[in-house]
PDB file of N, CA and C in Angstrom:
ATOM      1  N   MET A   1      -0.753   7.507 -18.308  1.00  0.00           N
ATOM      2  CA  MET A   1      -0.703   7.286 -17.145  1.00  0.00           C
ATOM      3  C   MET A   1      -0.934   9.102 -16.695  1.00  0.00           C
ATOM      4  N   LYS A   2      -1.013   9.534 -15.814  1.00  0.00           N
ATOM      5  CA  LYS A   2      -1.596  10.356 -15.184  1.00  0.00           C
ATOM      6  C   LYS A   2      -1.232  11.358 -13.742  1.00  0.00           C
ATOM      7  N   HIS A   3      -0.809  11.926 -13.223  1.00  0.00           N
ATOM      8  CA  HIS A   3      -0.774  12.091 -11.918  1.00  0.00           C
ATOM      9  C   HIS A   3      -1.755  12.590 -11.616  1.00  0.00           C
ATOM     10  N   TYR A   4      -3.041  13.180 -10.341  1.00  0.00           N
ATOM     11  CA  TYR A   4      -3.483  14.464  -9.844  1.00  0.00           C
ATOM     12  C   TYR A   4      -3.446  13.920  -8.143  1.00  0.00           C
ATOM     13  N   ASN A   5      -3.327  15.304  -8.117  1.00  0.00           N
ATOM     14  CA  ASN A   5      -3.239  15.521  -6.483  1.00  0.00           C
ATOM     15  C   ASN A   5      -4.302  15.710  -6.018  1.00  0.00           C
ATOM     16  N   ILE A   6      -4.668  15.209  -4.782  1.00  0.00           N
ATOM     17  CA  ILE A   6      -6.356  14.992  -4.523  1.00  0.00           C
ATOM     18  C   ILE A   6      -6.334  15.147  -3.189  1.00  0.00           C
ATOM     19  N   TRP A   7      -7.617  16.350  -2.874  1.00  0.00           N
ATOM     20  CA  TRP A   7      -7.659  17.282  -1.379  1.00  0.00           C
ATOM     21  C   TRP A   7      -9.657  16.999  -1.166  1.00  0.00           C
ATOM     22  N   ILE A   8      -9.873  15.595   0.071  1.00  0.00           N
ATOM     23  CA  ILE A   8     -11.073  15.715   0.187  1.00  0.00           C
ATOM     24  C   ILE A   8     -11.363  16.001   1.735  1.00  0.00           C
ATOM     25  N   SER A   9     -12.848  16.855   1.610  1.00  0.00           N
ATOM     26  CA  SER A   9     -13.157  17.301   2.572  1.00  0.00           C
ATOM     27  C   SER A   9     -13.821  16.827   2.706  1.00  0.00           C
ATOM     28  N   GLY A  10     -14.419  17.087   4.897  1.00  0.00           N
ATOM     29  CA  GLY A  10     -16.646  16.794   4.697  1.00  0.00           C
ATOM     30  C   GLY A  10     -15.831  15.737   6.172  1.00  0.00           C
ATOM     31  N   SER A  11     -16.860  15.047   6.822  1.00  0.00           N
ATOM     32  CA  SER A  11     -16.552  14.162   7.481  1.00  0.00           C
ATOM     33  C   SER A  11     -15.378  12.944   7.142  1.00  0.00           C
ATOM     34  N   VAL A  12     -14.332  13.112   7.212  1.00  0.00           N
ATOM     35  CA  VAL A  12     -13.212  11.937   6.345  1.00  0.00           C
ATOM     36  C   VAL A  12     -12.071  11.874   6.764  1.00  0.00           C
ATOM     37  N   GLN A  13     -12.406  12.163   8.457  1.00  0.00           N
ATOM     38  CA  GLN A  13     -11.323  11.118   9.230  1.00  0.00           C
ATOM     39  C   GLN A  13     -11.824  10.594  10.687  1.00  0.00           C
ATOM     40  N   GLY A  14     -11.232   9.816  10.348  1.00  0.00           N
ATOM     41  CA  GLY A  14     -11.777   8.719  12.010  1.00  0.00           C
ATOM     42  C   GLY A  14     -12.865   7.672  11.485  1.00  0.00           C
ATOM     43  N   VAL A  15     -13.371   7.881   9.842  1.00  0.00           N
ATOM     44  CA  VAL A  15     -14.428   6.560   9.490  1.00  0.00           C
ATOM     45  C   VAL A  15     -13.447   5.608   8.703  1.00  0.00           C
ATOM     46  N   GLY A  16     -12.425   5.367   8.612  1.00  0.00           N
ATOM     47  CA  GLY A  16     -11.689   4.329   8.211  1.00  0.00           C
ATOM     48  C   GLY A  16     -11.639   4.666   6.428  1.00  0.00           C
ATOM     49  N   PHE A  17     -11.554   6.032   5.756  1.00  0.00           N
ATOM     50  CA  PHE A  17     -11.174   6.312   4.800  1.00  0.00           C
ATOM     51  C   PHE A  17      -9.791   6.308   4.017  1.00  0.00           C
ATOM     52  N   ARG A  18      -8.906   6.167   4.723  1.00  0.00           N
ATOM     53  CA  ARG A  18      -7.492   5.907   4.485  1.00  0.00           C
ATOM     54  C   ARG A  18      -7.273   4.183   3.555  1.00  0.00           C
ATOM     55  N   PHE A  19      -7.979   3.019   4.826  1.00  0.00           N
ATOM     56  CA  PHE A  19      -8.476   2.124   4.684  1.00  0.00           C
ATOM     57  C   PHE A  19      -8.615   1.518   3.347  1.00  0.00           C
ATOM     58  N   SER A  20     -10.062   2.894   3.376  1.00  0.00           N
ATOM     59  CA  SER A  20     -10.736   2.164   2.868  1.00  0.00           C
ATOM     60  C   SER A  20     -10.327   3.115   0.879  1.00  0.00           C
ATOM     61  N   THR A  21      -9.474   3.526   0.852  1.00  0.00           N
ATOM     62  CA  THR A  21      -8.995   4.494   0.036  1.00  0.00           C
ATOM     63  C   THR A  21      -7.867   3.379  -1.031  1.00  0.00           C
ATOM     64  N   MET A  22      -7.203   3.149   0.174  1.00  0.00           N
ATOM     65  CA  MET A  22      -5.885   2.111  -0.270  1.00  0.00           C
ATOM     66  C   MET A  22      -6.314   0.399  -1.088  1.00  0.00           C
ATOM     67  N   GLN A  23      -7.563  -0.444  -0.382  1.00  0.00           N
ATOM     68  CA  GLN A  23      -8.296  -1.271  -0.879  1.00  0.00           C
ATOM     69  C   GLN A  23      -8.904  -0.967  -2.137  1.00  0.00           C
ATOM     70  N   THR A  24      -9.130   0.353  -2.624  1.00  0.00           N
ATOM     71  CA  THR A  24     -10.526   0.970  -3.861  1.00  0.00           C
ATOM     72  C   THR A  24      -9.227   1.250  -4.860  1.00  0.00           C
ATOM     73  N   ALA A  25      -7.682   1.956  -4.001  1.00  0.00           N
ATOM     74  CA  ALA A  25      -6.991   2.019  -5.315  1.00  0.00           C
ATOM     75  C   ALA A  25      -6.522   0.984  -5.726  1.00  0.00           C
ATOM     76  N   TYR A  26      -5.734  -0.202  -4.972  1.00  0.00           N
ATOM     77  CA  TYR A  26      -5.629  -1.636  -5.483  1.00  0.00           C
ATOM     78  C   TYR A  26      -6.691  -1.908  -6.225  1.00  0.00           C
ATOM     79  N   ARG A  27      -7.909  -2.605  -6.268  1.00  0.00           N
ATOM     80  CA  ARG A  27      -9.097  -2.700  -6.831  1.00  0.00           C
ATOM     81  C   ARG A  27      -8.756  -2.199  -8.208  1.00  0.00           C
ATOM     82  N   PHE A  28      -8.927  -0.516  -8.531  1.00  0.00           N
ATOM     83  CA  PHE A  28      -8.064   0.073 -10.262  1.00  0.00           C
ATOM     84  C   PHE A  28      -7.673  -0.451 -10.469  1.00  0.00           C
ATOM     85  N   GLY A  29      -6.284  -0.535  -9.461  1.00  0.00           N
ATOM     86  CA  GLY A  29      -4.813  -0.138 -10.320  1.00  0.00           C
ATOM     87  C   GLY A  29      -4.170   1.050 -10.538  1.00  0.00           C
ATOM     88  N   VAL A  30      -4.050   1.745  -9.156  1.00  0.00           N
ATOM     89  CA  VAL A  30      -3.954   3.002  -9.076  1.00  0.00           C
ATOM     90  C   VAL A  30      -2.811   2.929  -7.641  1.00  0.00           C
ATOM     91  N   LEU A  31      -1.836   3.778  -8.388  1.00  0.00           N
ATOM     92  CA  LEU A  31      -0.859   3.696  -7.319  1.00  0.00           C
ATOM     93  C   LEU A  31      -0.442   5.374  -6.651  1.00  0.00           C
ATOM     94  N   GLY A  32       0.633   5.020  -5.535  1.00  0.00           N
ATOM     95  CA  GLY A  32       0.330   6.716  -4.933  1.00  0.00           C
ATOM     96  C   GLY A  32       0.322   6.248  -3.333  1.00  0.00           C
ATOM     97  N   PHE A  33      -0.516   7.601  -2.718  1.00  0.00           N
ATOM     98  CA  PHE A  33      -0.387   6.750  -1.346  1.00  0.00           C
ATOM     99  C   PHE A  33      -1.518   8.902  -0.796  1.00  0.00           C
ATOM    100  N   VAL A  34      -2.432   7.965   0.886  1.00  0.00           N
ATOM    101  CA  VAL A  34      -3.106   8.568   0.994  1.00  0.00           C
ATOM    102  C   VAL A  34      -2.631   8.903   2.495  1.00  0.00           C
ATOM    103  N   GLN A  35      -3.444  10.467   2.485  1.00  0.00           N
ATOM    104  CA  GLN A  35      -2.814  10.697   4.037  1.00  0.00           C
ATOM    105  C   GLN A  35      -3.988  11.519   4.731  1.00  0.00           C
ATOM    106  N   ASN A  36      -4.241  11.644   6.517  1.00  0.00           N
ATOM    107  CA  ASN A  36      -4.756  12.581   7.041  1.00  0.00           C
ATOM    108  C   ASN A  36      -4.103  13.673   6.987  1.00  0.00           C
ATOM    109  N   MET A  37      -4.465  14.711   7.373  1.00  0.00           N
ATOM    110  CA  MET A  37      -3.693  16.323   7.023  1.00  0.00           C
ATOM    111  C   MET A  37      -4.475  17.093   8.288  1.00  0.00           C
ATOM    112  N   LYS A  38      -3.272  17.660   9.261  1.00  0.00           N
ATOM    113  CA  LYS A  38      -3.984  18.552  10.730  1.00  0.00           C
ATOM    114  C   LYS A  38      -5.375  19.446  10.354  1.00  0.00           C
ATOM    115  N   ASP A  39      -5.744  19.639   9.298  1.00  0.00           N
ATOM    116  CA  ASP A  39      -7.172  20.568   8.771  1.00  0.00           C
ATOM    117  C   ASP A  39      -7.696  20.021   8.781  1.00  0.00           C
ATOM    118  N   GLY A  40      -8.134  17.877   8.557  1.00  0.00           N
ATOM    119  CA  GLY A  40      -9.443  17.331   8.557  1.00  0.00           C
ATOM    120  C   GLY A  40      -9.157  16.767   7.409  1.00  0.00           C
ATOM    121  N   ILE A  41      -8.768  17.186   6.390  1.00  0.00           N
ATOM    122  CA  ILE A  41      -8.788  17.265   4.985  1.00  0.00           C
ATOM    123  C   ILE A  41      -8.054  15.677   4.471  1.00  0.00           C
ATOM    124  N   VAL A  42      -8.936  15.413   3.790  1.00  0.00           N
ATOM    125  CA  VAL A  42      -8.289  13.579   3.239  1.00  0.00           C
ATOM    126  C   VAL A  42      -6.581  13.802   1.878  1.00  0.00           C
ATOM    127  N   TYR A  43      -5.413  13.552   1.677  1.00  0.00           N
ATOM    128  CA  TYR A  43      -4.848  13.909   0.776  1.00  0.00           C
ATOM    129  C   TYR A  43      -4.315  12.992   0.468  1.00  0.00           C
ATOM    130  N   ILE A  44      -4.872  12.970  -1.217  1.00  0.00           N
ATOM    131  CA  ILE A  44      -4.323  11.857  -1.352  1.00  0.00           C
ATOM    132  C   ILE A  44      -2.748  11.880  -3.399  1.00  0.00           C
ATOM    133  N   GLU A  45      -2.703  11.536  -3.633  1.00  0.00           N
ATOM    134  CA  GLU A  45      -1.676  11.658  -4.966  1.00  0.00           C
ATOM    135  C   GLU A  45      -1.634   9.950  -5.340  1.00  0.00           C
ATOM    136  N   ALA A  46      -2.110  10.383  -6.747  1.00  0.00           N
ATOM    137  CA  ALA A  46      -2.670   9.037  -7.381  1.00  0.00           C
ATOM    138  C   ALA A  46      -2.068   9.009  -8.603  1.00  0.00           C
ATOM    139  N   GLU A  47      -1.260   7.960  -8.976  1.00  0.00           N
ATOM    140  CA  GLU A  47      -0.692   7.756 -10.873  1.00  0.00           C
ATOM    141  C   GLU A  47      -1.654   6.550 -10.841  1.00  0.00           C
ATOM    142  N   GLY A  48      -2.045   6.887 -12.176  1.00  0.00           N
ATOM    143  CA  GLY A  48      -2.484   5.136 -12.814  1.00  0.00           C
ATOM    144  C   GLY A  48      -3.148   6.217 -14.935  1.00  0.00           C
ATOM    145  N   GLU A  49      -4.287   5.127 -14.844  1.00  0.00           N
ATOM    146  CA  GLU A  49      -4.488   5.315 -16.402  1.00  0.00           C
ATOM    147  C   GLU A  49      -5.488   5.527 -16.418  1.00  0.00           C
ATOM    148  N   ASP A  50      -6.214   6.558 -17.430  1.00  0.00           N
ATOM    149  CA  ASP A  50      -6.912   7.888 -17.270  1.00  0.00           C
ATOM    150  C   ASP A  50      -8.337   7.109 -16.429  1.00  0.00           C
ATOM    151  N   ASP A  51      -9.119   5.451 -17.306  1.00  0.00           N
ATOM    152  CA  ASP A  51     -10.116   5.083 -16.404  1.00  0.00           C
ATOM    153  C   ASP A  51     -10.108   5.055 -15.652  1.00  0.00           C
ATOM    154  N   ALA A  52      -8.652   4.254 -14.701  1.00  0.00           N
ATOM    155  CA  ALA A  52      -8.661   3.791 -13.268  1.00  0.00           C
ATOM    156  C   ALA A  52      -8.639   5.491 -12.257  1.00  0.00           C
ATOM    157  N   LEU A  53      -8.151   5.989 -12.915  1.00  0.00           N
ATOM    158  CA  LEU A  53      -8.390   7.524 -12.215  1.00  0.00           C
ATOM    159  C   LEU A  53      -9.822   7.966 -12.032  1.00  0.00           C
ATOM    160  N   TYR A  54     -10.135   7.449 -13.082  1.00  0.00           N
ATOM    161  CA  TYR A  54     -12.096   9.084 -13.527  1.00  0.00           C
ATOM    162  C   TYR A  54     -12.779   7.135 -12.317  1.00  0.00           C
ATOM    163  N   ARG A  55     -12.249   6.061 -12.767  1.00  0.00           N
ATOM    164  CA  ARG A  55     -13.473   5.757 -11.682  1.00  0.00           C
ATOM    165  C   ARG A  55     -13.001   5.706  -9.943  1.00  0.00           C
ATOM    166  N   PHE A  56     -11.369   5.818  -9.652  1.00  0.00           N
ATOM    167  CA  PHE A  56     -11.034   5.946  -8.523  1.00  0.00           C
ATOM    168  C   PHE A  56     -11.485   7.748  -7.901  1.00  0.00           C
ATOM    169  N   ILE A  57     -11.322   8.106  -8.609  1.00  0.00           N
ATOM    170  CA  ILE A  57     -12.454  10.096  -8.327  1.00  0.00           C
ATOM    171  C   ILE A  57     -13.624   9.925  -7.824  1.00  0.00           C
ATOM    172  N   GLN A  58     -14.230   9.236  -9.138  1.00  0.00           N
ATOM    173  CA  GLN A  58     -16.017   8.746  -8.413  1.00  0.00           C
ATOM    174  C   GLN A  58     -16.226   8.393  -6.864  1.00  0.00           C
ATOM    175  N   TRP A  59     -15.301   7.308  -6.424  1.00  0.00           N
ATOM    176  CA  TRP A  59     -15.103   6.523  -5.684  1.00  0.00           C
ATOM    177  C   TRP A  59     -15.283   7.521  -4.359  1.00  0.00           C
ATOM    178  N   CYS A  60     -13.316   8.742  -4.247  1.00  0.00           N
ATOM    179  CA  CYS A  60     -13.650   9.613  -3.485  1.00  0.00           C
ATOM    180  C   CYS A  60     -14.928  10.543  -3.649  1.00  0.00           C
ATOM    181  N   LYS A  61     -15.328  10.857  -3.958  1.00  0.00           N
ATOM    182  CA  LYS A  61     -16.714  11.448  -4.549  1.00  0.00           C
ATOM    183  C   LYS A  61     -17.519  10.850  -3.613  1.00  0.00           C
ATOM    184  N   ARG A  62     -17.773   9.422  -3.123  1.00  0.00           N
ATOM    185  CA  ARG A  62     -18.325   8.838  -2.109  1.00  0.00           C
ATOM    186  C   ARG A  62     -18.093   8.848  -1.077  1.00  0.00           C
ATOM    187  N   GLY A  63     -16.630   8.150  -0.718  1.00  0.00           N
ATOM    188  CA  GLY A  63     -15.718   7.635  -0.338  1.00  0.00           C
ATOM    189  C   GLY A  63     -16.236   6.205   0.786  1.00  0.00           C
ATOM    190  N   PRO A  64     -16.065   5.479   2.124  1.00  0.00           N
ATOM    191  CA  PRO A  64     -16.025   4.761   2.494  1.00  0.00           C
ATOM    192  C   PRO A  64     -17.593   4.332   3.037  1.00  0.00           C
ATOM    193  N   PHE A  65     -18.320   3.757   3.415  1.00  0.00           N
ATOM    194  CA  PHE A  65     -19.229   3.744   4.645  1.00  0.00           C
ATOM    195  C   PHE A  65     -19.036   5.045   6.265  1.00  0.00           C
ATOM    196  N   GLY A  66     -20.226   6.224   6.079  1.00  0.00           N
ATOM    197  CA  GLY A  66     -20.391   6.318   7.220  1.00  0.00           C
ATOM    198  C   GLY A  66     -19.381   7.831   7.087  1.00  0.00           C
ATOM    199  N   ALA A  67     -18.022   7.870   5.686  1.00  0.00           N
ATOM    200  CA  ALA A  67     -18.142   9.389   5.553  1.00  0.00           C
ATOM    201  C   ALA A  67     -19.450  10.154   5.039  1.00  0.00           C
ATOM    202  N   LYS A  68     -18.877  11.351   4.681  1.00  0.00           N
ATOM    203  CA  LYS A  68     -19.717  12.288   4.548  1.00  0.00           C
ATOM    204  C   LYS A  68     -18.715  13.379   3.425  1.00  0.00           C
ATOM    205  N   VAL A  69     -18.519  13.558   2.096  1.00  0.00           N
ATOM    206  CA  VAL A  69     -17.630  13.843   1.569  1.00  0.00           C
ATOM    207  C   VAL A  69     -18.249  15.358   1.517  1.00  0.00           C
ATOM    208  N   ASP A  70     -17.966  16.676   1.826  1.00  0.00           N
ATOM    209  CA  ASP A  70     -18.886  17.560   0.830  1.00  0.00           C
ATOM    210  C   ASP A  70     -17.885  17.876  -0.396  1.00  0.00           C
ATOM    211  N   ASN A  71     -16.966  18.327  -0.555  1.00  0.00           N
ATOM    212  CA  ASN A  71     -16.078  18.649  -1.340  1.00  0.00           C
ATOM    213  C   ASN A  71     -14.421  18.037  -2.143  1.00  0.00           C
ATOM    214  N   VAL A  72     -14.269  16.985  -2.934  1.00  0.00           N
ATOM    215  CA  VAL A  72     -13.010  16.948  -3.595  1.00  0.00           C
ATOM    216  C   VAL A  72     -12.032  17.725  -4.720  1.00  0.00           C
ATOM    217  N   GLU A  73     -10.992  18.256  -4.304  1.00  0.00           N
ATOM    218  CA  GLU A  73     -10.071  18.640  -5.445  1.00  0.00           C
ATOM    219  C   GLU A  73      -9.009  18.155  -6.140  1.00  0.00           C
ATOM    220  N   VAL A  74      -9.306  18.636  -7.147  1.00  0.00           N
ATOM    221  CA  VAL A  74      -7.899  17.209  -7.948  1.00  0.00           C
ATOM    222  C   VAL A  74      -7.527  17.982  -9.174  1.00  0.00           C
ATOM    223  N   ARG A  75      -6.118  18.224  -9.134  1.00  0.00           N
ATOM    224  CA  ARG A  75      -5.028  19.011 -10.014  1.00  0.00           C
ATOM    225  C   ARG A  75      -4.322  17.982  -9.944  1.00  0.00           C
ATOM    226  N   ASP A  76      -3.656  18.029 -11.497  1.00  0.00           N
ATOM    227  CA  ASP A  76      -3.238  17.026 -12.119  1.00  0.00           C
ATOM    228  C   ASP A  76      -1.298  17.643 -11.057  1.00  0.00           C
ATOM    229  N   GLY A  77      -0.580  16.572 -12.216  1.00  0.00           N
ATOM    230  CA  GLY A  77       0.737  17.009 -11.284  1.00  0.00           C
ATOM    231  C   GLY A  77       2.045  16.406 -11.703  1.00  0.00           C
ATOM    232  N   GLU A  78       2.631  15.772 -11.342  1.00  0.00           N
ATOM    233  CA  GLU A  78       3.930  15.230 -11.864  1.00  0.00           C
ATOM    234  C   GLU A  78       3.329  14.336 -11.640  1.00  0.00           C
ATOM    235  N   ILE A  79       4.447  12.994 -12.617  1.00  0.00           N
ATOM    236  CA  ILE A  79       4.452  11.786 -12.254  1.00  0.00           C
ATOM    237  C   ILE A  79       5.116  11.357 -11.733  1.00  0.00           C
ATOM    238  N   LYS A  80       5.277  10.623 -10.474  1.00  0.00           N
ATOM    239  CA  LYS A  80       6.493  10.518  -9.307  1.00  0.00           C
ATOM    240  C   LYS A  80       6.702   8.762  -9.999  1.00  0.00           C
ATOM    241  N   ASP A  81       6.270   8.403 -10.500  1.00  0.00           N
ATOM    242  CA  ASP A  81       6.230   6.600 -10.661  1.00  0.00           C
ATOM    243  C   ASP A  81       6.527   5.654  -9.085  1.00  0.00           C
ATOM    244  N   PHE A  82       5.180   5.919  -8.489  1.00  0.00           N
ATOM    245  CA  PHE A  82       4.578   4.943  -7.685  1.00  0.00           C
ATOM    246  C   PHE A  82       4.760   3.634  -7.914  1.00  0.00           C
ATOM    247  N   LYS A  83       5.373   2.669  -6.340  1.00  0.00           N
ATOM    248  CA  LYS A  83       5.368   1.282  -6.862  1.00  0.00           C
ATOM    249  C   LYS A  83       4.396   0.791  -6.305  1.00  0.00           C
ATOM    250  N   ALA A  84       3.558   1.499  -5.337  1.00  0.00           N
ATOM    251  CA  ALA A  84       2.566   1.177  -4.388  1.00  0.00           C
ATOM    252  C   ALA A  84       1.338   1.697  -4.476  1.00  0.00           C
ATOM    253  N   PHE A  85       0.738   2.156  -3.525  1.00  0.00           N
ATOM    254  CA  PHE A  85      -0.382   2.436  -2.994  1.00  0.00           C
ATOM    255  C   PHE A  85      -0.506   2.332  -1.665  1.00  0.00           C
ATOM    256  N   ASP A  86       0.277   3.217  -0.813  1.00  0.00           N
ATOM    257  CA  ASP A  86       0.238   3.923   0.884  1.00  0.00           C
ATOM    258  C   ASP A  86      -0.520   4.656   1.437  1.00  0.00           C
ATOM    259  N   ILE A  87      -0.604   3.623   2.884  1.00  0.00           N
ATOM    260  CA  ILE A  87      -0.905   4.940   3.149  1.00  0.00           C
ATOM    261  C   ILE A  87      -0.012   5.710   4.783  1.00  0.00           C
ATOM    262  N   ILE A  88       0.147   6.462   3.969  1.00  0.00           N
ATOM    263  CA  ILE A  88       1.071   7.720   4.964  1.00  0.00           C
ATOM    264  C   ILE A  88       0.971   8.190   6.630  1.00  0.00           C
ATOM    265  N   SER A  89       1.123   8.005   7.451  1.00  0.00           N
ATOM    266  CA  SER A  89       1.115   8.918   9.438  1.00  0.00           C
ATOM    267  C   SER A  89       0.353   9.688   8.742  1.00  0.00           C
ATOM    268  N   SER A  90      -0.989   9.902   9.431  1.00  0.00           N
ATOM    269  CA  SER A  90      -1.024  11.147   9.844  1.00  0.00           C
ATOM    270  C   SER A  90      -0.819  11.910  10.160  1.00  0.00           C
ATOM    271  N   ARG A  91      -0.962  13.563   9.462  1.00  0.00           N
ATOM    272  CA  ARG A  91      -0.593  14.354   9.569  1.00  0.00           C
ATOM    273  C   ARG A  91      -1.131  15.179  11.596  1.00  0.00           C
ATOM    274  N   ILE A  92      -1.553  14.843  11.408  1.00  0.00           N
ATOM    275  CA  ILE A  92      -2.176  15.171  12.567  1.00  0.00           C
ATOM    276  C   ILE A  92      -1.901  15.835  13.827  1.00  0.00           C
ATOM    277  N   VAL A  93      -1.981  17.293  14.394  1.00  0.00           N
ATOM    278  CA  VAL A  93      -0.997  17.805  15.797  1.00  0.00           C
ATOM    279  C   VAL A  93      -1.666  17.908  17.157  1.00  0.00           C
ATOM    280  N   ILE A  94      -1.512  17.939  17.704  1.00  0.00           N
ATOM    281  CA  ILE A  94      -1.803  17.526  19.418  1.00  0.00           C
ATOM    282  C   ILE A  94      -2.725  18.293  20.073  1.00  0.00           C
TER     283      ILE A  94
END
């Protein structure tokens, strides 16, 4: 089991990225959360087995239809023992 913190930049908000990320996480057996940040980045914390996380991150590099991913930054993190994969409310300041 590993934990990754993932930052995705590009045209990644307003294109269904969070919902598609949740669906993809469930498909691969990845747990954690996804949220939009106020700076336009999508932030993900993901936990799972090596192969599942590899496939999940490869998907993140493409994203859903309509997204244009410019950069994906992945860093190791501390295991948090997530029980599901959730969409967290946006951190967008208006």
